C-alpha atoms as a PDB file:
ATOM      1  CA  MET A   1    -260.734 106.014   5.462  1.00  0.00           C
ATOM      2  CA  SER A   2    -262.662 105.432   2.276  1.00  0.00           C
ATOM      3  CA  ALA A   3    -262.734 102.221   0.259  1.00  0.00           C
ATOM      4  CA  GLU A   4    -260.872 103.934  -2.597  1.00  0.00           C
ATOM      5  CA  ALA A   5    -258.025 104.910  -0.273  1.00  0.00           C
ATOM      6  CA  GLN A   6    -257.738 101.336   0.986  1.00  0.00           C
ATOM      7  CA  VAL A   7    -257.474 100.016  -2.583  1.00  0.00           C
ATOM      8  CA  GLY A   8    -254.648 102.444  -3.326  1.00  0.00           C
ATOM      9  CA  LEU A   9    -252.907 101.433  -0.117  1.00  0.00           C
ATOM     10  CA  GLY A  10    -253.079  97.749  -1.082  1.00  0.00           C
ATOM     11  CA  GLU A  11    -251.516  98.449  -4.469  1.00  0.00           C
ATOM     12  CA  MET A  12    -248.757 100.489  -2.860  1.00  0.00           C
ATOM     13  CA  LEU A  13    -248.026  97.728  -0.313  1.00  0.00           C
ATOM     14  CA  GLY A  14    -247.940  95.140  -3.086  1.00  0.00           C
ATOM     15  CA  ARG A  15    -245.519  97.258  -5.117  1.00  0.00           C
ATOM     16  CA  THR A  16    -243.317  97.828  -2.060  1.00  0.00           C
ATOM     17  CA  ARG A  17    -243.303  94.122  -1.233  1.00  0.00           C
ATOM     18  CA  ARG A  18    -242.378  93.147  -4.820  1.00  0.00           C
ATOM     19  CA  SER A  19    -239.642  95.773  -4.811  1.00  0.00           C
ATOM     20  CA  PHE A  20    -238.249  94.413  -1.531  1.00  0.00           C
ATOM     21  CA  TRP A  21    -238.358  90.839  -2.832  1.00  0.00           C
ATOM     22  CA  GLY A  22    -236.433  91.929  -5.927  1.00  0.00           C
ATOM     23  CA  TRP A  23    -233.849  93.740  -3.780  1.00  0.00           C
ATOM     24  CA  ARG A  24    -233.572  90.731  -1.475  1.00  0.00           C
ATOM     25  CA  GLY A  25    -233.077  88.338  -4.388  1.00  0.00           C
ATOM     26  CA  ARG A  26    -230.024  90.205  -5.722  1.00  0.00           C
ATOM     27  CA  ARG A  27    -227.897  89.823  -2.580  1.00  0.00           C
ATOM     28  CA  PRO A  28    -227.151  87.294   0.202  1.00  0.00           C
ATOM     29  CA  PHE A  29    -230.000  88.606   2.348  1.00  0.00           C
ATOM     30  CA  TRP A  30    -230.299  85.738   4.832  1.00  0.00           C
ATOM     31  CA  GLY A  31    -226.544  85.449   5.254  1.00  0.00           C
ATOM     32  CA  GLY A  32    -226.296  89.145   6.094  1.00  0.00           C
ATOM     33  CA  LEU A  33    -229.263  88.998   8.450  1.00  0.00           C
ATOM     34  CA  LEU A  34    -227.950  85.983  10.368  1.00  0.00           C
ATOM     35  CA  THR A  35    -224.472  87.532  10.581  1.00  0.00           C
ATOM     36  CA  MET A  36    -225.915  90.739  12.050  1.00  0.00           C
ATOM     37  CA  LEU A  37    -228.103  88.783  14.476  1.00  0.00           C
ATOM     38  CA  GLY A  38    -225.043  86.760  15.509  1.00  0.00           C
ATOM     39  CA  GLY A  39    -223.166  89.930  16.428  1.00  0.00           C
ATOM     40  CA  LEU A  40    -225.874  91.104  18.840  1.00  0.00           C
ATOM     41  CA  PRO A  41    -225.535  88.460  21.600  1.00  0.00           C
ATOM     42  CA  ILE A  42    -221.750  88.566  21.304  1.00  0.00           C
ATOM     43  CA  MET A  43    -221.885  92.322  21.982  1.00  0.00           C
ATOM     44  CA  TYR A  44    -224.639  92.152  24.595  1.00  0.00           C
ATOM     45  CA  PHE A  45    -223.751  89.416  27.099  1.00  0.00           C
ATOM     46  CA  PRO A  46    -220.393  90.770  28.376  1.00  0.00           C
ATOM     47  CA  TYR A  47    -222.125  94.015  29.376  1.00  0.00           C
ATOM     48  CA  ALA A  48    -225.447  92.572  30.588  1.00  0.00           C
ATOM     49  CA  ASN A  49    -226.711  92.594  34.161  1.00  0.00           C
ATOM     50  CA  LEU A  50    -229.048  89.654  34.699  1.00  0.00           C
ATOM     51  CA  THR A  51    -231.249  89.964  37.786  1.00  0.00           C
ATOM     52  CA  LEU A  52    -232.654  86.905  39.542  1.00  0.00           C
ATOM     53  CA  GLY A  53    -234.788  88.154  42.427  1.00  0.00           C
ATOM     54  CA  THR A  54    -232.476  90.289  44.526  1.00  0.00           C
ATOM     55  CA  MET A  55    -229.284  88.807  43.099  1.00  0.00           C
ATOM     56  CA  THR A  56    -227.562  90.521  40.167  1.00  0.00           C
ATOM     57  CA  ILE A  57    -225.366  88.460  37.882  1.00  0.00           C
ATOM     58  CA  ARG A  58    -222.825  90.348  35.815  1.00  0.00           C
ATOM     59  CA  MET A  59    -221.021  88.571  32.983  1.00  0.00           C
ATOM     60  CA  ALA A  60    -218.242  91.176  32.739  1.00  0.00           C
ATOM     61  CA  THR A  61    -214.892  89.743  31.769  1.00  0.00           C
ATOM     62  CA  THR A  62    -211.557  91.188  30.781  1.00  0.00           C
ATOM     63  CA  ALA A  63    -212.499  90.529  27.167  1.00  0.00           C
ATOM     64  CA  GLY A  64    -215.461  92.940  27.147  1.00  0.00           C
ATOM     65  CA  ALA A  65    -213.797  95.279  24.650  1.00  0.00           C
ATOM     66  CA  GLY A  66    -212.877  92.343  22.421  1.00  0.00           C
ATOM     67  CA  SER A  67    -216.465  91.142  22.481  1.00  0.00           C
ATOM     68  CA  LEU A  68    -217.704  94.588  21.542  1.00  0.00           C
ATOM     69  CA  ILE A  69    -215.279  94.817  18.631  1.00  0.00           C
ATOM     70  CA  ILE A  70    -216.183  91.341  17.355  1.00  0.00           C
ATOM     71  CA  GLY A  71    -219.917  92.070  17.601  1.00  0.00           C
ATOM     72  CA  VAL A  72    -219.634  95.412  15.809  1.00  0.00           C
ATOM     73  CA  LEU A  73    -217.507  93.849  13.067  1.00  0.00           C
ATOM     74  CA  LEU A  74    -220.085  91.092  12.564  1.00  0.00           C
ATOM     75  CA  VAL A  75    -222.861  93.665  12.201  1.00  0.00           C
ATOM     76  CA  VAL A  76    -220.741  95.625   9.704  1.00  0.00           C
ATOM     77  CA  LEU A  77    -219.973  92.447   7.741  1.00  0.00           C
ATOM     78  CA  GLY A  78    -223.686  91.621   7.602  1.00  0.00           C
ATOM     79  CA  LEU A  79    -224.414  95.083   6.226  1.00  0.00           C
ATOM     80  CA  THR A  80    -221.570  94.611   3.741  1.00  0.00           C
ATOM     81  CA  MET A  81    -223.237  91.451   2.459  1.00  0.00           C
ATOM     82  CA  TRP A  82    -226.442  93.432   1.934  1.00  0.00           C
ATOM     83  CA  PHE A  83    -225.090  96.566   0.337  1.00  0.00           C
ATOM     84  CA  GLN A  84    -221.924  95.264  -1.386  1.00  0.00           C
ATOM     85  CA  PRO A  85    -222.938  91.798  -2.622  1.00  0.00           C
ATOM     86  CA  HIS A  86    -219.755  91.521  -4.716  1.00  0.00           C
ATOM     87  CA  SER A  87    -217.762  91.415  -1.455  1.00  0.00           C
ATOM     88  CA  ARG A  88    -219.803  88.511  -0.129  1.00  0.00           C
ATOM     89  CA  ILE A  89    -216.950  85.984  -0.117  1.00  0.00           C
ATOM     90  CA  PHE A  90    -214.628  88.244   1.877  1.00  0.00           C
ATOM     91  CA  ALA A  91    -217.428  89.181   4.275  1.00  0.00           C
ATOM     92  CA  GLY A  92    -218.496  85.562   4.698  1.00  0.00           C
ATOM     93  CA  VAL A  93    -215.002  84.266   5.397  1.00  0.00           C
ATOM     94  CA  ALA A  94    -214.343  87.141   7.815  1.00  0.00           C
ATOM     95  CA  ALA A  95    -217.646  86.413   9.596  1.00  0.00           C
ATOM     96  CA  ILE A  96    -216.731  82.733   9.953  1.00  0.00           C
ATOM     97  CA  LEU A  97    -213.313  83.620  11.373  1.00  0.00           C
ATOM     98  CA  LEU A  98    -214.770  86.166  13.795  1.00  0.00           C
ATOM     99  CA  ALA A  99    -217.382  83.630  14.915  1.00  0.00           C
ATOM    100  CA  LEU A 100    -214.611  81.151  15.676  1.00  0.00           C
ATOM    101  CA  VAL A 101    -212.607  83.780  17.566  1.00  0.00           C
ATOM    102  CA  SER A 102    -215.695  84.730  19.567  1.00  0.00           C
ATOM    103  CA  LEU A 103    -215.731  81.267  21.157  1.00  0.00           C
ATOM    104  CA  VAL A 104    -212.512  82.089  22.969  1.00  0.00           C
ATOM    105  CA  VAL A 105    -212.953  85.827  23.495  1.00  0.00           C
ATOM    106  CA  SER A 106    -216.574  86.443  24.421  1.00  0.00           C
ATOM    107  CA  ASN A 107    -218.299  83.987  26.756  1.00  0.00           C
ATOM    108  CA  PHE A 108    -218.290  81.056  24.353  1.00  0.00           C
ATOM    109  CA  GLY A 109    -219.476  83.211  21.449  1.00  0.00           C
ATOM    110  CA  GLY A 110    -222.442  84.797  23.189  1.00  0.00           C
ATOM    111  CA  PHE A 111    -223.345  81.495  24.871  1.00  0.00           C
ATOM    112  CA  VAL A 112    -223.058  79.711  21.507  1.00  0.00           C
ATOM    113  CA  ILE A 113    -226.106  81.570  20.140  1.00  0.00           C
ATOM    114  CA  GLY A 114    -224.104  84.334  18.483  1.00  0.00           C
ATOM    115  CA  PHE A 115    -221.439  81.872  17.364  1.00  0.00           C
ATOM    116  CA  LEU A 116    -223.924  79.644  15.545  1.00  0.00           C
ATOM    117  CA  LEU A 117    -225.807  82.537  13.937  1.00  0.00           C
ATOM    118  CA  ALA A 118    -222.603  84.212  12.723  1.00  0.00           C
ATOM    119  CA  LEU A 119    -221.156  80.920  11.486  1.00  0.00           C
ATOM    120  CA  LEU A 120    -224.306  80.079   9.533  1.00  0.00           C
ATOM    121  CA  GLY A 121    -224.596  83.634   8.189  1.00  0.00           C
ATOM    122  CA  GLY A 122    -220.980  83.615   7.021  1.00  0.00           C
ATOM    123  CA  ALA A 123    -221.483  80.247   5.321  1.00  0.00           C
ATOM    124  CA  LEU A 124    -224.602  81.513   3.558  1.00  0.00           C
ATOM    125  CA  GLY A 125    -222.708  84.624   2.442  1.00  0.00           C
ATOM    126  CA  VAL A 126    -219.878  82.553   0.959  1.00  0.00           C
ATOM    127  CA  SER A 127    -222.179  80.061  -0.755  1.00  0.00           C
ATOM    128  CA  TRP A 128    -224.624  82.577  -2.250  1.00  0.00           C
ATOM    129  CA  ALA A 129    -224.323  83.133  -5.993  1.00  0.00           C
ATOM    130  CA  PRO A 130    -226.180  85.712  -8.086  1.00  0.00           C
ATOM    131  CA  ALA A 131    -228.895  84.375 -10.343  1.00  0.00           C
ATOM    132  CA  ARG A 132    -227.979  83.881 -13.948  1.00  0.00           C
ATOM    133  CA  PRO A 133    -229.844  86.104 -16.374  1.00  0.00           C
ATOM    134  CA  ALA A 134    -232.688  84.360 -18.112  1.00  0.00           C
ATOM    135  CA  ALA A 135    -231.768  83.163 -21.585  1.00  0.00           C
ATOM    136  CA  ALA A 136    -233.352  85.180 -24.334  1.00  0.00           C
ATOM    137  CA  VAL A 137    -236.102  83.222 -26.020  1.00  0.00           C
ATOM    138  CA  ALA A 138    -235.695  83.073 -29.780  1.00  0.00           C
ATOM    139  CA  PRO A 139    -238.726  84.280 -31.743  1.00  0.00           C
ATOM    140  CA  GLY A 140    -240.945  81.441 -32.846  1.00  0.00           C
ATOM    141  CA  GLY A 141    -239.431  78.956 -30.473  1.00  0.00           C
END
């Protein structure tokens, strides 16, 4: 690769990074990310087989389907916060409620990891507010 190609690549990466930062700034990015990450352990643990040496531990419960539904809904709510930022309050409140329900339904909310991530993500989604447009500067002042 030539030096000229590397310079063009650096400019393209810089433009892509600035574009991503702009996209991220116009929506509750961290709330959506934490909500999606909270749904993963809630979905995973009821169906996981943990192996310790020759012993297999299965966390299957009768609430496996409920855990799957709660986890999928949390992932969908996180994506909603990203791609429909005007629905952030609904998505945040729904994520908080689902996180609370997951304590009872799915192995203490994915062993409390998923519960805490979803609860924090929902709170960030509710509390996020779009930036106010910059005030126009009057000429000469």
